[in-house]
Amino acid sequence: MTKRVLITGAGRGIGAAVAKELAASGYIVIINYRENRQAAEVLNKEIEAAGGEAYILQADISVRAEVLRLFEDIDRQWGPVTHLVNNAGILFTQCRFEDISEDRFQKVLDTNVLGSFYCLQEAIKRMQSGSAIVNVSSLAAITGSPNEYIDYAASKGALDSMTVGLAKELASKNIRVNGVRPGFIYTDMHADGGEPGRVDRLASQIPLQRGGQPEEVAKVIAWLLSDEASYVTGSFIDVAGGR
């Protein structure tokens, strides 16, 4: 089976590391981005220079019509996806729960929950036996992220519930669905939340006493997608240095 993987939000951070890892393993990689085309193009060139095959497609996954277009473009140009990494996600500046606006909460849910839902629905319409999905959650789904991102944590908790339920629905078709929960990883998302140095500040609270790298998360995702994980579904791997 030719392996075609869609990675949402793949222009930077964990998504970019996953794209490189899977391209090196022989997947045809579709790099989805929302706004930063330059980052996606740089990533694409890096993959091609290393001998991999990758393509770029823009879509805002929080908009159902754009997700439909995304999957139709993939169908037409390369054939239906066989694997999906639901990686795209957003968060906003750290604040306490009472200061989270309804608009902010809705935007987080639109991308992190509904966006993932749209991609999951379209992917499973096309997938056959042997396909696999990884949903990129967060350790925040367990900790609740008090005083910082309770809205983000809630959205990842919803994604975890979808992971468990969908894994059970698709098991008889031999389509596996798993999740990873990154902890404090060195990505630009912390700057989005208003504290670029957050990982270093919290490193002493991590059992392994350090933050993680995107590549460490990418290798776990690649394993979950691979045939080596053929008896793993509805499971979560915390890539968080312990907790």
Protein backbone atom coordinates (compact mmCIF):
# COMPACT_ATOMS: atom_id res chain seq x y z
CA MET A 1 0.00 0.00 0.00
CA THR A 2 1.30 3.41 -0.97
CA LYS A 3 1.28 5.46 2.22
CA ARG A 4 -0.15 8.96 1.86
CA VAL A 5 -0.27 10.97 5.07
CA LEU A 6 -1.95 14.30 5.74
CA ILE A 7 -0.39 16.26 8.58
CA THR A 8 -2.44 19.26 9.64
CA GLY A 9 -0.62 22.31 10.93
CA ALA A 10 2.62 20.87 9.60
CA GLY A 11 4.52 24.06 8.90
CA ARG A 12 6.34 24.24 12.21
CA GLY A 13 7.09 22.53 15.50
CA ILE A 14 5.84 18.99 16.04
CA GLY A 15 4.03 18.90 12.71
CA ALA A 16 7.17 19.77 10.76
CA ALA A 17 9.20 17.17 12.66
CA VAL A 18 6.55 14.53 11.90
CA ALA A 19 6.61 15.47 8.21
CA LYS A 20 10.38 14.94 8.04
CA GLU A 21 10.21 11.67 9.97
CA LEU A 22 7.46 10.18 7.81
CA ALA A 23 8.97 11.38 4.55
CA ALA A 24 12.20 9.63 5.52
CA SER A 25 10.15 6.47 6.06
CA GLY A 26 8.74 6.54 2.54
CA TYR A 27 5.37 8.23 3.02
CA ILE A 28 3.99 10.71 0.51
CA VAL A 29 3.57 13.67 2.87
CA ILE A 30 0.91 16.34 2.44
CA ILE A 31 1.91 19.41 4.44
CA ASN A 32 -1.15 21.38 5.49
CA TYR A 33 -0.77 24.95 6.71
CA ARG A 34 -3.20 27.76 7.47
CA GLU A 35 -1.26 31.03 7.03
CA ASN A 36 2.53 30.60 7.01
CA ARG A 37 3.23 29.42 3.48
CA GLN A 38 6.90 30.39 3.75
CA ALA A 39 7.49 27.93 6.59
CA ALA A 40 5.69 25.20 4.66
CA GLU A 41 7.81 25.85 1.58
CA VAL A 42 11.03 25.70 3.58
CA LEU A 43 9.95 22.39 5.09
CA ASN A 44 8.99 21.03 1.67
CA LYS A 45 12.40 21.90 0.25
CA GLU A 46 14.16 20.24 3.21
CA ILE A 47 12.19 17.04 2.68
CA GLU A 48 12.83 16.98 -1.06
CA ALA A 49 16.53 17.69 -0.55
CA ALA A 50 16.69 14.64 1.70
CA GLY A 51 15.07 12.48 -0.98
CA GLY A 52 11.51 12.50 0.35
CA GLU A 53 8.24 13.30 -1.39
CA ALA A 54 6.09 16.10 0.01
CA TYR A 55 3.47 18.56 -1.16
CA ILE A 56 1.88 21.70 0.28
CA LEU A 57 -1.83 22.44 0.60
CA GLN A 58 -3.36 25.43 2.37
CA ALA A 59 -6.55 25.07 4.39
CA ASP A 60 -8.02 26.43 7.61
CA ILE A 61 -9.28 23.22 9.21
CA SER A 62 -11.72 25.15 11.41
CA VAL A 63 -13.80 25.76 8.26
CA ARG A 64 -15.59 22.64 7.04
CA ALA A 65 -15.69 23.77 3.40
CA GLU A 66 -11.92 24.19 3.39
CA VAL A 67 -11.43 20.71 4.85
CA LEU A 68 -13.63 19.26 2.10
CA ARG A 69 -11.57 21.08 -0.50
CA LEU A 70 -8.35 19.87 1.12
CA PHE A 71 -9.32 16.22 0.94
CA GLU A 72 -10.73 16.54 -2.58
CA ASP A 73 -7.47 18.13 -3.74
CA ILE A 74 -5.52 15.24 -2.22
CA ASP A 75 -7.84 12.69 -3.86
CA ARG A 76 -7.43 14.29 -7.26
CA GLN A 77 -3.69 14.82 -7.18
CA TRP A 78 -2.27 11.85 -5.27
CA GLY A 79 -5.08 9.53 -4.28
CA PRO A 80 -6.91 9.18 -0.95
CA VAL A 81 -5.06 9.51 2.34
CA THR A 82 -4.09 6.30 4.09
CA HIS A 83 -2.83 7.98 7.26
CA LEU A 84 -3.73 11.13 9.18
CA VAL A 85 -1.94 13.15 11.85
CA ASN A 86 -4.37 15.60 13.47
CA ASN A 87 -1.74 18.04 14.67
CA ALA A 88 -3.15 21.53 14.06
CA GLY A 89 -4.07 23.38 17.22
CA ILE A 90 -4.23 26.87 18.67
CA LEU A 91 -4.04 28.53 22.05
CA PHE A 92 -4.09 32.09 23.29
CA THR A 93 -2.34 34.13 25.96
CA GLN A 94 -2.14 32.63 29.45
CA CYS A 95 -4.92 33.72 31.77
CA ARG A 96 -7.20 32.50 34.53
CA PHE A 97 -10.48 30.79 33.71
CA GLU A 98 -12.68 33.75 34.63
CA ASP A 99 -10.84 35.90 32.09
CA ILE A 100 -11.40 33.59 29.12
CA SER A 101 -13.86 35.23 26.74
CA GLU A 102 -16.59 33.29 24.97
CA ASP A 103 -15.06 34.29 21.61
CA ARG A 104 -11.66 32.94 22.61
CA PHE A 105 -13.12 29.65 23.87
CA GLN A 106 -15.10 29.25 20.66
CA LYS A 107 -12.04 29.83 18.48
CA VAL A 108 -10.08 27.19 20.40
CA LEU A 109 -12.92 24.70 20.02
CA ASP A 110 -13.37 25.53 16.33
CA THR A 111 -9.82 24.52 15.49
CA ASN A 112 -8.85 21.97 18.13
CA VAL A 113 -12.14 20.06 18.30
CA LEU A 114 -14.28 20.79 15.25
CA GLY A 115 -11.27 21.01 12.95
CA SER A 116 -10.06 17.61 14.09
CA PHE A 117 -13.62 16.26 13.79
CA TYR A 118 -13.91 17.46 10.19
CA CYS A 119 -10.56 15.90 9.24
CA LEU A 120 -11.40 12.63 10.97
CA GLN A 121 -14.72 12.33 9.16
CA GLU A 122 -13.23 12.97 5.75
CA ALA A 123 -10.25 10.70 6.37
CA ILE A 124 -12.23 7.68 7.51
CA LYS A 125 -14.51 7.94 4.46
CA ARG A 126 -11.43 7.15 2.40
CA MET A 127 -9.43 4.78 4.59
CA GLN A 128 -9.20 1.02 4.22
CA SER A 129 -7.82 -1.83 6.30
CA GLY A 130 -4.30 -1.05 7.47
CA SER A 131 -4.79 2.70 7.72
CA ALA A 132 -3.97 4.58 10.91
CA ILE A 133 -4.63 7.91 12.61
CA VAL A 134 -2.79 9.76 15.35
CA ASN A 135 -4.44 12.63 17.17
CA VAL A 136 -1.99 15.03 18.77
CA SER A 137 -3.43 15.88 22.17
CA SER A 138 -1.57 17.42 25.11
CA LEU A 139 -0.69 16.59 28.69
CA ALA A 140 -2.91 19.57 29.44
CA ALA A 141 -5.88 17.26 28.86
CA ILE A 142 -4.86 15.55 32.10
CA THR A 143 -3.49 18.46 34.13
CA GLY A 144 -6.24 20.92 33.15
CA SER A 145 -3.61 23.66 32.71
CA PRO A 146 -4.88 25.86 35.58
CA ASN A 147 -4.07 29.58 35.49
CA GLU A 148 -2.94 29.29 31.89
CA TYR A 149 -5.03 27.47 29.26
CA ILE A 150 -8.07 25.70 30.68
CA ASP A 151 -9.87 26.28 27.36
CA TYR A 152 -7.02 24.60 25.47
CA ALA A 153 -6.94 21.74 27.99
CA ALA A 154 -10.69 21.22 27.60
CA SER A 155 -10.35 21.06 23.82
CA LYS A 156 -7.68 18.38 24.10
CA GLY A 157 -9.83 16.43 26.53
CA ALA A 158 -12.55 16.38 23.88
CA LEU A 159 -10.03 15.16 21.32
CA ASP A 160 -9.01 12.33 23.67
CA SER A 161 -12.64 11.23 23.97
CA MET A 162 -13.00 11.19 20.18
CA THR A 163 -9.84 9.12 19.94
CA VAL A 164 -11.17 6.43 22.27
CA GLY A 165 -14.62 6.25 20.71
CA LEU A 166 -13.44 6.28 17.11
CA ALA A 167 -10.82 3.62 17.81
CA LYS A 168 -13.59 1.30 18.98
CA GLU A 169 -15.82 2.08 16.01
CA LEU A 170 -13.07 1.45 13.46
CA ALA A 171 -11.36 -1.54 15.06
CA SER A 172 -13.40 -4.09 13.06
CA LYS A 173 -12.18 -2.41 9.86
CA ASN A 174 -8.55 -2.65 11.02
CA ILE A 175 -8.19 1.12 11.06
CA ARG A 176 -6.26 2.17 14.16
CA VAL A 177 -6.70 5.44 16.06
CA ASN A 178 -4.29 6.52 18.79
CA GLY A 179 -3.20 9.67 20.57
CA VAL A 180 -0.02 11.26 21.81
CA ARG A 181 0.09 13.76 24.64
CA PRO A 182 3.16 16.00 24.37
CA GLY A 183 4.23 17.78 27.52
CA PHE A 184 6.63 20.72 27.61
CA ILE A 185 8.14 20.65 24.12
CA TYR A 186 10.34 23.35 22.60
CA THR A 187 7.98 24.81 19.97
CA ASP A 188 6.74 28.26 18.98
CA MET A 189 3.37 27.57 20.58
CA HIS A 190 4.66 28.83 23.93
CA ALA A 191 5.35 32.20 22.34
CA ASP A 192 1.76 32.18 21.08
CA GLY A 193 0.73 31.86 24.72
CA GLY A 194 2.84 34.86 25.69
CA GLU A 195 5.81 33.11 27.31
CA PRO A 196 8.53 31.95 24.88
CA GLY A 197 10.69 30.69 27.76
CA ARG A 198 7.95 28.63 29.42
CA VAL A 199 9.65 25.27 28.91
CA ASP A 200 12.86 26.40 30.56
CA ARG A 201 10.92 27.91 33.46
CA LEU A 202 9.12 24.64 34.15
CA ALA A 203 11.91 22.19 33.33
CA SER A 204 12.78 21.61 36.99
CA GLN A 205 9.23 20.29 37.59
CA ILE A 206 9.62 17.59 34.93
CA PRO A 207 10.90 14.22 36.23
CA LEU A 208 13.50 14.06 33.46
CA GLN A 209 14.51 17.65 34.32
CA ARG A 210 14.33 18.95 30.75
CA GLY A 211 11.96 19.96 27.99
CA GLY A 212 11.39 17.76 24.98
CA GLN A 213 12.23 18.22 21.33
CA PRO A 214 9.69 17.98 18.48
CA GLU A 215 11.68 15.13 16.98
CA GLU A 216 11.10 13.04 20.11
CA VAL A 217 7.36 13.40 19.67
CA ALA A 218 7.62 12.74 15.94
CA LYS A 219 9.26 9.36 16.45
CA VAL A 220 6.43 8.23 18.72
CA ILE A 221 3.83 9.35 16.19
CA ALA A 222 5.68 7.55 13.40
CA TRP A 223 5.71 4.35 15.45
CA LEU A 224 1.98 4.55 16.17
CA LEU A 225 1.28 4.95 12.45
CA SER A 226 3.55 2.08 11.49
CA ASP A 227 2.80 -1.62 11.19
CA GLU A 228 5.03 -2.16 14.22
CA ALA A 229 2.10 -0.81 16.27
CA SER A 230 -0.42 -3.09 14.55
CA TYR A 231 -1.95 -4.24 17.87
CA VAL A 232 -2.25 -0.76 19.36
CA THR A 233 -5.46 1.24 19.08
CA GLY A 234 -7.41 3.54 21.39
CA SER A 235 -4.20 4.15 23.33
CA PHE A 236 -2.25 7.23 24.39
CA ILE A 237 1.45 7.78 24.79
CA ASP A 238 2.54 10.69 26.98
CA VAL A 239 5.70 12.26 25.55
CA ALA A 240 6.29 14.46 28.54
CA GLY A 241 9.42 13.45 30.42
CA GLY A 242 7.31 11.80 33.12
CA ARG A 243 4.52 13.13 35.33
